[in-house]
Amino acid sequence: NSISSKSDYLLSGESSGSKYDKALSLGVKIIDEKEYERLK
C-alpha cells in the first residue's frame, strides 16, 4: 500500500497523487495500465 525505495513498480492510474510524486523522487519505475498489460 505504500511506496518505498524497496518498491519495484508503481502502477499508476488516473488522478494519482502523492504516491506518484514519491515514486518519482525515489526513482521507482512508474507504469500505466497499458504498459502493465503489455509487460504482463
PDB file of all heavy atoms in Angstrom:
ATOM      1  N   ASN A   1       0.810  -1.221   0.000  1.00  0.00           N
ATOM      2  CA  ASN A   1       0.000   0.000   0.000  1.00  0.00           C
ATOM      3  C   ASN A   1       0.839   1.265   0.000  1.00  0.00           C
ATOM      4  O   ASN A   1       0.349   2.328  -0.318  1.00  0.00           O
ATOM      5  CB  ASN A   1      -0.931   0.021   1.214  1.00  0.00           C
ATOM      6  CG  ASN A   1      -2.008  -1.030   1.087  1.00  0.00           C
ATOM      7  OD1 ASN A   1      -2.493  -1.303  -0.006  1.00  0.00           O
ATOM      8  ND2 ASN A   1      -2.373  -1.646   2.200  1.00  0.00           N
ATOM      9  N   SER A   2       2.112   1.130   0.400  1.00  0.00           N
ATOM     10  CA  SER A   2       2.922   2.339   0.486  1.00  0.00           C
ATOM     11  C   SER A   2       4.184   2.213  -0.348  1.00  0.00           C
ATOM     12  O   SER A   2       4.787   1.148  -0.427  1.00  0.00           O
ATOM     13  CB  SER A   2       3.273   2.630   1.945  1.00  0.00           C
ATOM     14  OG  SER A   2       3.935   1.518   2.494  1.00  0.00           O
ATOM     15  N   ILE A   3       4.552   3.307  -0.952  1.00  0.00           N
ATOM     16  CA  ILE A   3       5.709   3.343  -1.834  1.00  0.00           C
ATOM     17  C   ILE A   3       6.977   3.536  -0.996  1.00  0.00           C
ATOM     18  O   ILE A   3       6.970   4.283  -0.027  1.00  0.00           O
ATOM     19  CB  ILE A   3       5.536   4.465  -2.904  1.00  0.00           C
ATOM     20  CG1 ILE A   3       6.453   4.222  -4.087  1.00  0.00           C
ATOM     21  CG2 ILE A   3       5.728   5.841  -2.354  1.00  0.00           C
ATOM     22  CD1 ILE A   3       5.764   3.515  -5.208  1.00  0.00           C
ATOM     23  N   SER A   4       8.026   2.810  -1.330  1.00  0.00           N
ATOM     24  CA  SER A   4       9.310   2.982  -0.642  1.00  0.00           C
ATOM     25  C   SER A   4      10.416   2.654  -1.635  1.00  0.00           C
ATOM     26  O   SER A   4      10.140   2.240  -2.757  1.00  0.00           O
ATOM     27  CB  SER A   4       9.406   2.047   0.561  1.00  0.00           C
ATOM     28  OG  SER A   4       9.690   0.733   0.131  1.00  0.00           O
ATOM     29  N   SER A   5      11.653   2.800  -1.203  1.00  0.00           N
ATOM     30  CA  SER A   5      12.775   2.503  -2.102  1.00  0.00           C
ATOM     31  C   SER A   5      12.815   1.010  -2.444  1.00  0.00           C
ATOM     32  O   SER A   5      13.479   0.605  -3.388  1.00  0.00           O
ATOM     33  CB  SER A   5      14.089   2.943  -1.465  1.00  0.00           C
ATOM     34  OG  SER A   5      14.239   2.289  -0.224  1.00  0.00           O
ATOM     35  N   LYS A   6      12.091   0.188  -1.676  1.00  0.00           N
ATOM     36  CA  LYS A   6      12.042  -1.250  -1.950  1.00  0.00           C
ATOM     37  C   LYS A   6      10.996  -1.608  -3.022  1.00  0.00           C
ATOM     38  O   LYS A   6      10.941  -2.740  -3.476  1.00  0.00           O
ATOM     39  CB  LYS A   6      11.727  -2.026  -0.672  1.00  0.00           C
ATOM     40  CG  LYS A   6      12.893  -2.029   0.313  1.00  0.00           C
ATOM     41  CD  LYS A   6      12.639  -3.053   1.418  1.00  0.00           C
ATOM     42  CE  LYS A   6      13.865  -3.275   2.271  1.00  0.00           C
ATOM     43  NZ  LYS A   6      14.095  -2.213   3.253  1.00  0.00           N
ATOM     44  N   SER A   7      10.134  -0.645  -3.371  1.00  0.00           N
ATOM     45  CA  SER A   7       9.113  -0.900  -4.388  1.00  0.00           C
ATOM     46  C   SER A   7       9.773  -1.054  -5.751  1.00  0.00           C
ATOM     47  O   SER A   7      10.704  -0.321  -6.075  1.00  0.00           O
ATOM     48  CB  SER A   7       8.108   0.252  -4.453  1.00  0.00           C
ATOM     49  OG  SER A   7       7.589   0.526  -3.169  1.00  0.00           O
ATOM     50  N   ASP A   8       9.291  -2.024  -6.550  1.00  0.00           N
ATOM     51  CA  ASP A   8       9.833  -2.215  -7.894  1.00  0.00           C
ATOM     52  C   ASP A   8       9.051  -1.419  -8.940  1.00  0.00           C
ATOM     53  O   ASP A   8       9.616  -0.915  -9.900  1.00  0.00           O
ATOM     54  CB  ASP A   8       9.807  -3.703  -8.262  1.00  0.00           C
ATOM     55  CG  ASP A   8      10.736  -4.509  -7.365  1.00  0.00           C
ATOM     56  OD1 ASP A   8      11.962  -4.294  -7.452  1.00  0.00           O
ATOM     57  OD2 ASP A   8      10.239  -5.321  -6.567  1.00  0.00           O
ATOM     58  N   TYR A   9       7.721  -1.367  -8.758  1.00  0.00           N
ATOM     59  CA  TYR A   9       6.867  -0.671  -9.732  1.00  0.00           C
ATOM     60  C   TYR A   9       5.770   0.107  -9.016  1.00  0.00           C
ATOM     61  O   TYR A   9       5.274  -0.319  -7.972  1.00  0.00           O
ATOM     62  CB  TYR A   9       6.150  -1.669 -10.656  1.00  0.00           C
ATOM     63  CG  TYR A   9       7.052  -2.404 -11.608  1.00  0.00           C
ATOM     64  CD1 TYR A   9       7.537  -3.672 -11.293  1.00  0.00           C
ATOM     65  CD2 TYR A   9       7.407  -1.849 -12.834  1.00  0.00           C
ATOM     66  CE1 TYR A   9       8.361  -4.363 -12.167  1.00  0.00           C
ATOM     67  CE2 TYR A   9       8.225  -2.535 -13.718  1.00  0.00           C
ATOM     68  CZ  TYR A   9       8.700  -3.787 -13.379  1.00  0.00           C
ATOM     69  OH  TYR A   9       9.515  -4.467 -14.257  1.00  0.00           O
ATOM     70  N   LEU A  10       5.366   1.205  -9.633  1.00  0.00           N
ATOM     71  CA  LEU A  10       4.139   1.888  -9.251  1.00  0.00           C
ATOM     72  C   LEU A  10       3.220   1.780 -10.464  1.00  0.00           C
ATOM     73  O   LEU A  10       3.558   2.263 -11.546  1.00  0.00           O
ATOM     74  CB  LEU A  10       4.376   3.363  -8.921  1.00  0.00           C
ATOM     75  CG  LEU A  10       3.090   4.151  -8.622  1.00  0.00           C
ATOM     76  CD1 LEU A  10       2.471   3.700  -7.306  1.00  0.00           C
ATOM     77  CD2 LEU A  10       3.351   5.649  -8.591  1.00  0.00           C
ATOM     78  N   LEU A  11       2.087   1.096 -10.295  1.00  0.00           N
ATOM     79  CA  LEU A  11       1.082   1.027 -11.349  1.00  0.00           C
ATOM     80  C   LEU A  11       0.161   2.208 -11.107  1.00  0.00           C
ATOM     81  O   LEU A  11      -0.548   2.259 -10.111  1.00  0.00           O
ATOM     82  CB  LEU A  11       0.320  -0.301 -11.283  1.00  0.00           C
ATOM     83  CG  LEU A  11      -0.887  -0.451 -12.213  1.00  0.00           C
ATOM     84  CD1 LEU A  11      -0.521  -0.193 -13.662  1.00  0.00           C
ATOM     85  CD2 LEU A  11      -1.505  -1.828 -12.058  1.00  0.00           C
ATOM     86  N   SER A  12       0.221   3.174 -12.018  1.00  0.00           N
ATOM     87  CA  SER A  12      -0.434   4.448 -11.789  1.00  0.00           C
ATOM     88  C   SER A  12      -1.603   4.656 -12.747  1.00  0.00           C
ATOM     89  O   SER A  12      -1.441   4.571 -13.957  1.00  0.00           O
ATOM     90  CB  SER A  12       0.612   5.553 -11.975  1.00  0.00           C
ATOM     91  OG  SER A  12       0.013   6.806 -11.832  1.00  0.00           O
ATOM     92  N   GLY A  13      -2.768   4.934 -12.181  1.00  0.00           N
ATOM     93  CA  GLY A  13      -3.957   5.218 -12.978  1.00  0.00           C
ATOM     94  C   GLY A  13      -4.238   6.705 -13.013  1.00  0.00           C
ATOM     95  O   GLY A  13      -3.389   7.525 -12.654  1.00  0.00           O
ATOM     96  N   GLU A  14      -5.463   7.043 -13.428  1.00  0.00           N
ATOM     97  CA  GLU A  14      -5.888   8.454 -13.477  1.00  0.00           C
ATOM     98  C   GLU A  14      -5.842   9.057 -12.072  1.00  0.00           C
ATOM     99  O   GLU A  14      -6.079   8.367 -11.091  1.00  0.00           O
ATOM    100  CB  GLU A  14      -7.337   8.544 -13.996  1.00  0.00           C
ATOM    101  CG  GLU A  14      -7.523   8.119 -15.437  1.00  0.00           C
ATOM    102  CD  GLU A  14      -6.796   9.022 -16.410  1.00  0.00           C
ATOM    103  OE1 GLU A  14      -6.961  10.254 -16.313  1.00  0.00           O
ATOM    104  OE2 GLU A  14      -6.055   8.491 -17.261  1.00  0.00           O
ATOM    105  N   SER A  15      -5.606  10.348 -12.018  1.00  0.00           N
ATOM    106  CA  SER A  15      -5.583  11.141 -10.781  1.00  0.00           C
ATOM    107  C   SER A  15      -4.869  10.450  -9.626  1.00  0.00           C
ATOM    108  O   SER A  15      -5.429  10.240  -8.567  1.00  0.00           O
ATOM    109  CB  SER A  15      -7.012  11.572 -10.375  1.00  0.00           C
ATOM    110  OG  SER A  15      -7.880  10.467 -10.288  1.00  0.00           O
ATOM    111  N   SER A  16      -3.611  10.068  -9.899  1.00  0.00           N
ATOM    112  CA  SER A  16      -2.801   9.543  -8.806  1.00  0.00           C
ATOM    113  C   SER A  16      -2.081  10.723  -8.171  1.00  0.00           C
ATOM    114  O   SER A  16      -1.689  11.657  -8.854  1.00  0.00           O
ATOM    115  CB  SER A  16      -1.816   8.498  -9.325  1.00  0.00           C
ATOM    116  OG  SER A  16      -1.153   8.973 -10.470  1.00  0.00           O
ATOM    117  N   GLY A  17      -1.916  10.681  -6.874  1.00  0.00           N
ATOM    118  CA  GLY A  17      -1.388  11.849  -6.168  1.00  0.00           C
ATOM    119  C   GLY A  17      -0.006  11.662  -5.597  1.00  0.00           C
ATOM    120  O   GLY A  17       0.977  11.496  -6.327  1.00  0.00           O
ATOM    121  N   SER A  18       0.066  11.669  -4.265  1.00  0.00           N
ATOM    122  CA  SER A  18       1.348  11.710  -3.561  1.00  0.00           C
ATOM    123  C   SER A  18       2.212  10.472  -3.815  1.00  0.00           C
ATOM    124  O   SER A  18       3.436  10.565  -3.813  1.00  0.00           O
ATOM    125  CB  SER A  18       1.107  11.869  -2.060  1.00  0.00           C
ATOM    126  OG  SER A  18       0.344  10.788  -1.584  1.00  0.00           O
ATOM    127  N   LYS A  19       1.585   9.315  -4.045  1.00  0.00           N
ATOM    128  CA  LYS A  19       2.373   8.102  -4.299  1.00  0.00           C
ATOM    129  C   LYS A  19       3.181   8.264  -5.594  1.00  0.00           C
ATOM    130  O   LYS A  19       4.322   7.827  -5.679  1.00  0.00           O
ATOM    131  CB  LYS A  19       1.480   6.865  -4.401  1.00  0.00           C
ATOM    132  CG  LYS A  19       0.938   6.399  -3.061  1.00  0.00           C
ATOM    133  CD  LYS A  19       0.067   5.177  -3.215  1.00  0.00           C
ATOM    134  CE  LYS A  19      -0.549   4.809  -1.868  1.00  0.00           C
ATOM    135  NZ  LYS A  19      -1.527   3.729  -1.985  1.00  0.00           N
ATOM    136  N   TYR A  20       2.565   8.911  -6.576  1.00  0.00           N
ATOM    137  CA  TYR A  20       3.228   9.158  -7.858  1.00  0.00           C
ATOM    138  C   TYR A  20       4.460  10.035  -7.638  1.00  0.00           C
ATOM    139  O   TYR A  20       5.551   9.726  -8.109  1.00  0.00           O
ATOM    140  CB  TYR A  20       2.244   9.819  -8.832  1.00  0.00           C
ATOM    141  CG  TYR A  20       2.791   9.991 -10.229  1.00  0.00           C
ATOM    142  CD1 TYR A  20       2.605   8.992 -11.185  1.00  0.00           C
ATOM    143  CD2 TYR A  20       3.480  11.141 -10.597  1.00  0.00           C
ATOM    144  CE1 TYR A  20       3.110   9.144 -12.479  1.00  0.00           C
ATOM    145  CE2 TYR A  20       3.987  11.301 -11.881  1.00  0.00           C
ATOM    146  CZ  TYR A  20       3.797  10.298 -12.821  1.00  0.00           C
ATOM    147  OH  TYR A  20       4.296  10.432 -14.090  1.00  0.00           O
ATOM    148  N   ASP A  21       4.269  11.131  -6.896  1.00  0.00           N
ATOM    149  CA  ASP A  21       5.374  12.064  -6.631  1.00  0.00           C
ATOM    150  C   ASP A  21       6.491  11.369  -5.860  1.00  0.00           C
ATOM    151  O   ASP A  21       7.667  11.556  -6.141  1.00  0.00           O
ATOM    152  CB  ASP A  21       4.871  13.282  -5.839  1.00  0.00           C
ATOM    153  CG  ASP A  21       3.792  14.043  -6.613  1.00  0.00           C
ATOM    154  OD1 ASP A  21       3.777  13.942  -7.865  1.00  0.00           O
ATOM    155  OD2 ASP A  21       2.963  14.718  -5.977  1.00  0.00           O
ATOM    156  N   LYS A  22       6.110  10.555  -4.878  1.00  0.00           N
ATOM    157  CA  LYS A  22       7.111   9.869  -4.058  1.00  0.00           C
ATOM    158  C   LYS A  22       7.882   8.851  -4.909  1.00  0.00           C
ATOM    159  O   LYS A  22       9.103   8.729  -4.784  1.00  0.00           O
ATOM    160  CB  LYS A  22       6.430   9.177  -2.867  1.00  0.00           C
ATOM    161  CG  LYS A  22       7.422   8.664  -1.849  1.00  0.00           C
ATOM    162  CD  LYS A  22       6.762   8.247  -0.553  1.00  0.00           C
ATOM    163  CE  LYS A  22       7.831   7.749   0.418  1.00  0.00           C
ATOM    164  NZ  LYS A  22       7.275   7.145   1.615  1.00  0.00           N
ATOM    165  N   ALA A  23       7.156   8.127  -5.788  1.00  0.00           N
ATOM    166  CA  ALA A  23       7.806   7.150  -6.671  1.00  0.00           C
ATOM    167  C   ALA A  23       8.829   7.850  -7.561  1.00  0.00           C
ATOM    168  O   ALA A  23       9.939   7.365  -7.747  1.00  0.00           O
ATOM    169  CB  ALA A  23       6.767   6.416  -7.515  1.00  0.00           C
ATOM    170  N   LEU A  24       8.434   9.013  -8.098  1.00  0.00           N
ATOM    171  CA  LEU A  24       9.344   9.810  -8.936  1.00  0.00           C
ATOM    172  C   LEU A  24      10.609  10.160  -8.159  1.00  0.00           C
ATOM    173  O   LEU A  24      11.721   9.956  -8.646  1.00  0.00           O
ATOM    174  CB  LEU A  24       8.656  11.107  -9.378  1.00  0.00           C
ATOM    175  CG  LEU A  24       7.919  11.109 -10.711  1.00  0.00           C
ATOM    176  CD1 LEU A  24       7.316  12.476 -10.982  1.00  0.00           C
ATOM    177  CD2 LEU A  24       8.829  10.690 -11.857  1.00  0.00           C
ATOM    178  N   SER A  25      10.425  10.673  -6.946  1.00  0.00           N
ATOM    179  CA  SER A  25      11.587  11.120  -6.169  1.00  0.00           C
ATOM    180  C   SER A  25      12.476   9.958  -5.729  1.00  0.00           C
ATOM    181  O   SER A  25      13.665  10.126  -5.526  1.00  0.00           O
ATOM    182  CB  SER A  25      11.137  11.950  -4.959  1.00  0.00           C
ATOM    183  OG  SER A  25      10.498  11.108  -4.022  1.00  0.00           O
ATOM    184  N   LEU A  26      11.884   8.745  -5.598  1.00  0.00           N
ATOM    185  CA  LEU A  26      12.679   7.575  -5.196  1.00  0.00           C
ATOM    186  C   LEU A  26      13.247   6.809  -6.388  1.00  0.00           C
ATOM    187  O   LEU A  26      14.010   5.861  -6.216  1.00  0.00           O
ATOM    188  CB  LEU A  26      11.817   6.614  -4.358  1.00  0.00           C
ATOM    189  CG  LEU A  26      11.405   7.086  -2.961  1.00  0.00           C
ATOM    190  CD1 LEU A  26      10.388   6.134  -2.358  1.00  0.00           C
ATOM    191  CD2 LEU A  26      12.615   7.208  -2.047  1.00  0.00           C
ATOM    192  N   GLY A  27      12.830   7.202  -7.587  1.00  0.00           N
ATOM    193  CA  GLY A  27      13.318   6.516  -8.785  1.00  0.00           C
ATOM    194  C   GLY A  27      12.676   5.153  -9.002  1.00  0.00           C
ATOM    195  O   GLY A  27      13.252   4.275  -9.641  1.00  0.00           O
ATOM    196  N   VAL A  28      11.458   4.974  -8.466  1.00  0.00           N
ATOM    197  CA  VAL A  28      10.714   3.720  -8.678  1.00  0.00           C
ATOM    198  C   VAL A  28      10.114   3.748 -10.077  1.00  0.00           C
ATOM    199  O   VAL A  28       9.595   4.784 -10.507  1.00  0.00           O
ATOM    200  CB  VAL A  28       9.597   3.558  -7.610  1.00  0.00           C
ATOM    201  CG1 VAL A  28       8.704   2.372  -7.923  1.00  0.00           C
ATOM    202  CG2 VAL A  28      10.208   3.424  -6.222  1.00  0.00           C
ATOM    203  N   LYS A  29      10.180   2.632 -10.810  1.00  0.00           N
ATOM    204  CA  LYS A  29       9.643   2.579 -12.170  1.00  0.00           C
ATOM    205  C   LYS A  29       8.124   2.755 -12.143  1.00  0.00           C
ATOM    206  O   LYS A  29       7.419   2.017 -11.459  1.00  0.00           O
ATOM    207  CB  LYS A  29      10.006   1.250 -12.830  1.00  0.00           C
ATOM    208  CG  LYS A  29       9.583   1.194 -14.294  1.00  0.00           C
ATOM    209  CD  LYS A  29      10.329   0.111 -15.066  1.00  0.00           C
ATOM    210  CE  LYS A  29       9.851  -0.072 -16.471  1.00  0.00           C
ATOM    211  NZ  LYS A  29       9.770   1.121 -17.301  1.00  0.00           N
ATOM    212  N   ILE A  30       7.632   3.751 -12.885  1.00  0.00           N
ATOM    213  CA  ILE A  30       6.195   4.042 -12.936  1.00  0.00           C
ATOM    214  C   ILE A  30       5.638   3.532 -14.257  1.00  0.00           C
ATOM    215  O   ILE A  30       6.178   3.842 -15.324  1.00  0.00           O
ATOM    216  CB  ILE A  30       5.935   5.561 -12.798  1.00  0.00           C
ATOM    217  CG1 ILE A  30       6.495   6.070 -11.457  1.00  0.00           C
ATOM    218  CG2 ILE A  30       4.451   5.874 -12.923  1.00  0.00           C
ATOM    219  CD1 ILE A  30       6.535   7.574 -11.316  1.00  0.00           C
ATOM    220  N   ILE A  31       4.590   2.721 -14.166  1.00  0.00           N
ATOM    221  CA  ILE A  31       3.952   2.221 -15.387  1.00  0.00           C
ATOM    222  C   ILE A  31       2.468   2.546 -15.345  1.00  0.00           C
ATOM    223  O   ILE A  31       1.876   2.632 -14.276  1.00  0.00           O
ATOM    224  CB  ILE A  31       4.156   0.685 -15.566  1.00  0.00           C
ATOM    225  CG1 ILE A  31       3.621  -0.088 -14.361  1.00  0.00           C
ATOM    226  CG2 ILE A  31       5.611   0.349 -15.826  1.00  0.00           C
ATOM    227  CD1 ILE A  31       3.626  -1.612 -14.526  1.00  0.00           C
ATOM    228  N   ASP A  32       1.871   2.739 -16.542  1.00  0.00           N
ATOM    229  CA  ASP A  32       0.429   2.939 -16.592  1.00  0.00           C
ATOM    230  C   ASP A  32      -0.214   1.590 -16.930  1.00  0.00           C
ATOM    231  O   ASP A  32       0.476   0.591 -17.127  1.00  0.00           O
ATOM    232  CB  ASP A  32       0.051   4.032 -17.603  1.00  0.00           C
ATOM    233  CG  ASP A  32       0.454   3.681 -19.031  1.00  0.00           C
ATOM    234  OD1 ASP A  32       0.796   2.513 -19.312  1.00  0.00           O
ATOM    235  OD2 ASP A  32       0.421   4.586 -19.885  1.00  0.00           O
ATOM    236  N   GLU A  33      -1.515   1.597 -16.992  1.00  0.00           N
ATOM    237  CA  GLU A  33      -2.245   0.340 -17.186  1.00  0.00           C
ATOM    238  C   GLU A  33      -1.917  -0.322 -18.521  1.00  0.00           C
ATOM    239  O   GLU A  33      -1.785  -1.541 -18.606  1.00  0.00           O
ATOM    240  CB  GLU A  33      -3.752   0.604 -17.068  1.00  0.00           C
ATOM    241  CG  GLU A  33      -4.512  -0.630 -16.684  1.00  0.00           C
ATOM    242  CD  GLU A  33      -5.960  -0.358 -16.316  1.00  0.00           C
ATOM    243  OE1 GLU A  33      -6.342   0.829 -16.162  1.00  0.00           O
ATOM    244  OE2 GLU A  33      -6.719  -1.340 -16.191  1.00  0.00           O
ATOM    245  N   LYS A  34      -1.753   0.500 -19.561  1.00  0.00           N
ATOM    246  CA  LYS A  34      -1.437  -0.028 -20.883  1.00  0.00           C
ATOM    247  C   LYS A  34      -0.091  -0.755 -20.852  1.00  0.00           C
ATOM    248  O   LYS A  34       0.043  -1.864 -21.371  1.00  0.00           O
ATOM    249  CB  LYS A  34      -1.419   1.128 -21.899  1.00  0.00           C
ATOM    250  CG  LYS A  34      -1.786   0.717 -23.299  1.00  0.00           C
ATOM    251  CD  LYS A  34      -2.223   1.915 -24.116  1.00  0.00           C
ATOM    252  CE  LYS A  34      -1.215   2.156 -25.229  1.00  0.00           C
ATOM    253  NZ  LYS A  34      -1.485   3.375 -25.981  1.00  0.00           N
ATOM    254  N   GLU A  35       0.891  -0.117 -20.216  1.00  0.00           N
ATOM    255  CA  GLU A  35       2.212  -0.731 -20.122  1.00  0.00           C
ATOM    256  C   GLU A  35       2.162  -1.986 -19.239  1.00  0.00           C
ATOM    257  O   GLU A  35       2.825  -2.977 -19.510  1.00  0.00           O
ATOM    258  CB  GLU A  35       3.232   0.266 -19.564  1.00  0.00           C
ATOM    259  CG  GLU A  35       4.646  -0.252 -19.722  1.00  0.00           C
ATOM    260  CD  GLU A  35       5.710   0.789 -19.394  1.00  0.00           C
ATOM    261  OE1 GLU A  35       5.373   1.945 -19.086  1.00  0.00           O
ATOM    262  OE2 GLU A  35       6.891   0.412 -19.446  1.00  0.00           O
ATOM    263  N   TYR A  36       1.346  -1.936 -18.179  1.00  0.00           N
ATOM    264  CA  TYR A  36       1.169  -3.107 -17.298  1.00  0.00           C
ATOM    265  C   TYR A  36       0.681  -4.297 -18.125  1.00  0.00           C
ATOM    266  O   TYR A  36       1.229  -5.387 -18.056  1.00  0.00           O
ATOM    267  CB  TYR A  36       0.181  -2.782 -16.169  1.00  0.00           C
ATOM    268  CG  TYR A  36      -0.322  -4.005 -15.435  1.00  0.00           C
ATOM    269  CD1 TYR A  36       0.515  -4.712 -14.562  1.00  0.00           C
ATOM    270  CD2 TYR A  36      -1.622  -4.465 -15.620  1.00  0.00           C
ATOM    271  CE1 TYR A  36       0.064  -5.850 -13.912  1.00  0.00           C
ATOM    272  CE2 TYR A  36      -2.077  -5.595 -14.970  1.00  0.00           C
ATOM    273  CZ  TYR A  36      -1.240  -6.286 -14.109  1.00  0.00           C
ATOM    274  OH  TYR A  36      -1.690  -7.417 -13.460  1.00  0.00           O
ATOM    275  N   GLU A  37      -0.361  -4.072 -18.945  1.00  0.00           N
ATOM    276  CA  GLU A  37      -0.925  -5.152 -19.778  1.00  0.00           C
ATOM    277  C   GLU A  37       0.127  -5.687 -20.756  1.00  0.00           C
ATOM    278  O   GLU A  37       0.245  -6.890 -20.961  1.00  0.00           O
ATOM    279  CB  GLU A  37      -2.158  -4.661 -20.548  1.00  0.00           C
ATOM    280  CG  GLU A  37      -3.368  -4.337 -19.679  1.00  0.00           C
ATOM    281  CD  GLU A  37      -3.938  -5.522 -18.906  1.00  0.00           C
ATOM    282  OE1 GLU A  37      -3.833  -6.683 -19.393  1.00  0.00           O
ATOM    283  OE2 GLU A  37      -4.491  -5.304 -17.806  1.00  0.00           O
ATOM    284  N   ARG A  38       0.909  -4.778 -21.330  1.00  0.00           N
ATOM    285  CA  ARG A  38       1.930  -5.175 -22.295  1.00  0.00           C
ATOM    286  C   ARG A  38       3.003  -6.040 -21.610  1.00  0.00           C
ATOM    287  O   ARG A  38       3.331  -7.126 -22.080  1.00  0.00           O
ATOM    288  CB  ARG A  38       2.562  -3.936 -22.929  1.00  0.00           C
ATOM    289  CG  ARG A  38       3.536  -4.236 -24.066  1.00  0.00           C
ATOM    290  CD  ARG A  38       4.137  -2.966 -24.665  1.00  0.00           C
ATOM    291  NE  ARG A  38       4.941  -2.212 -23.721  1.00  0.00           N
ATOM    292  CZ  ARG A  38       6.181  -2.570 -23.312  1.00  0.00           C
ATOM    293  NH1 ARG A  38       6.730  -3.674 -23.775  1.00  0.00           N
ATOM    294  NH2 ARG A  38       6.851  -1.821 -22.460  1.00  0.00           N
ATOM    295  N   LEU A  39       3.521  -5.563 -20.474  1.00  0.00           N
ATOM    296  CA  LEU A  39       4.569  -6.289 -19.741  1.00  0.00           C
ATOM    297  C   LEU A  39       4.063  -7.631 -19.234  1.00  0.00           C
ATOM    298  O   LEU A  39       4.771  -8.632 -19.282  1.00  0.00           O
ATOM    299  CB  LEU A  39       5.070  -5.457 -18.559  1.00  0.00           C
ATOM    300  CG  LEU A  39       5.899  -4.232 -18.885  1.00  0.00           C
ATOM    301  CD1 LEU A  39       6.075  -3.355 -17.651  1.00  0.00           C
ATOM    302  CD2 LEU A  39       7.248  -4.634 -19.457  1.00  0.00           C
ATOM    303  N   LYS A  40       2.818  -7.648 -18.773  1.00  0.00           N
ATOM    304  CA  LYS A  40       2.206  -8.857 -18.222  1.00  0.00           C
ATOM    305  C   LYS A  40       2.144  -9.954 -19.276  1.00  0.00           C
ATOM    306  O   LYS A  40       2.414 -11.113 -18.998  1.00  0.00           O
ATOM    307  CB  LYS A  40       0.801  -8.505 -17.721  1.00  0.00           C
ATOM    308  CG  LYS A  40      -0.024  -9.654 -17.245  1.00  0.00           C
ATOM    309  CD  LYS A  40      -1.400  -9.169 -16.868  1.00  0.00           C
ATOM    310  CE  LYS A  40      -2.335  -9.258 -18.067  1.00  0.00           C
ATOM    311  NZ  LYS A  40      -3.706  -8.882 -17.725  1.00  0.00           N
TER     312      LYS A  40
END
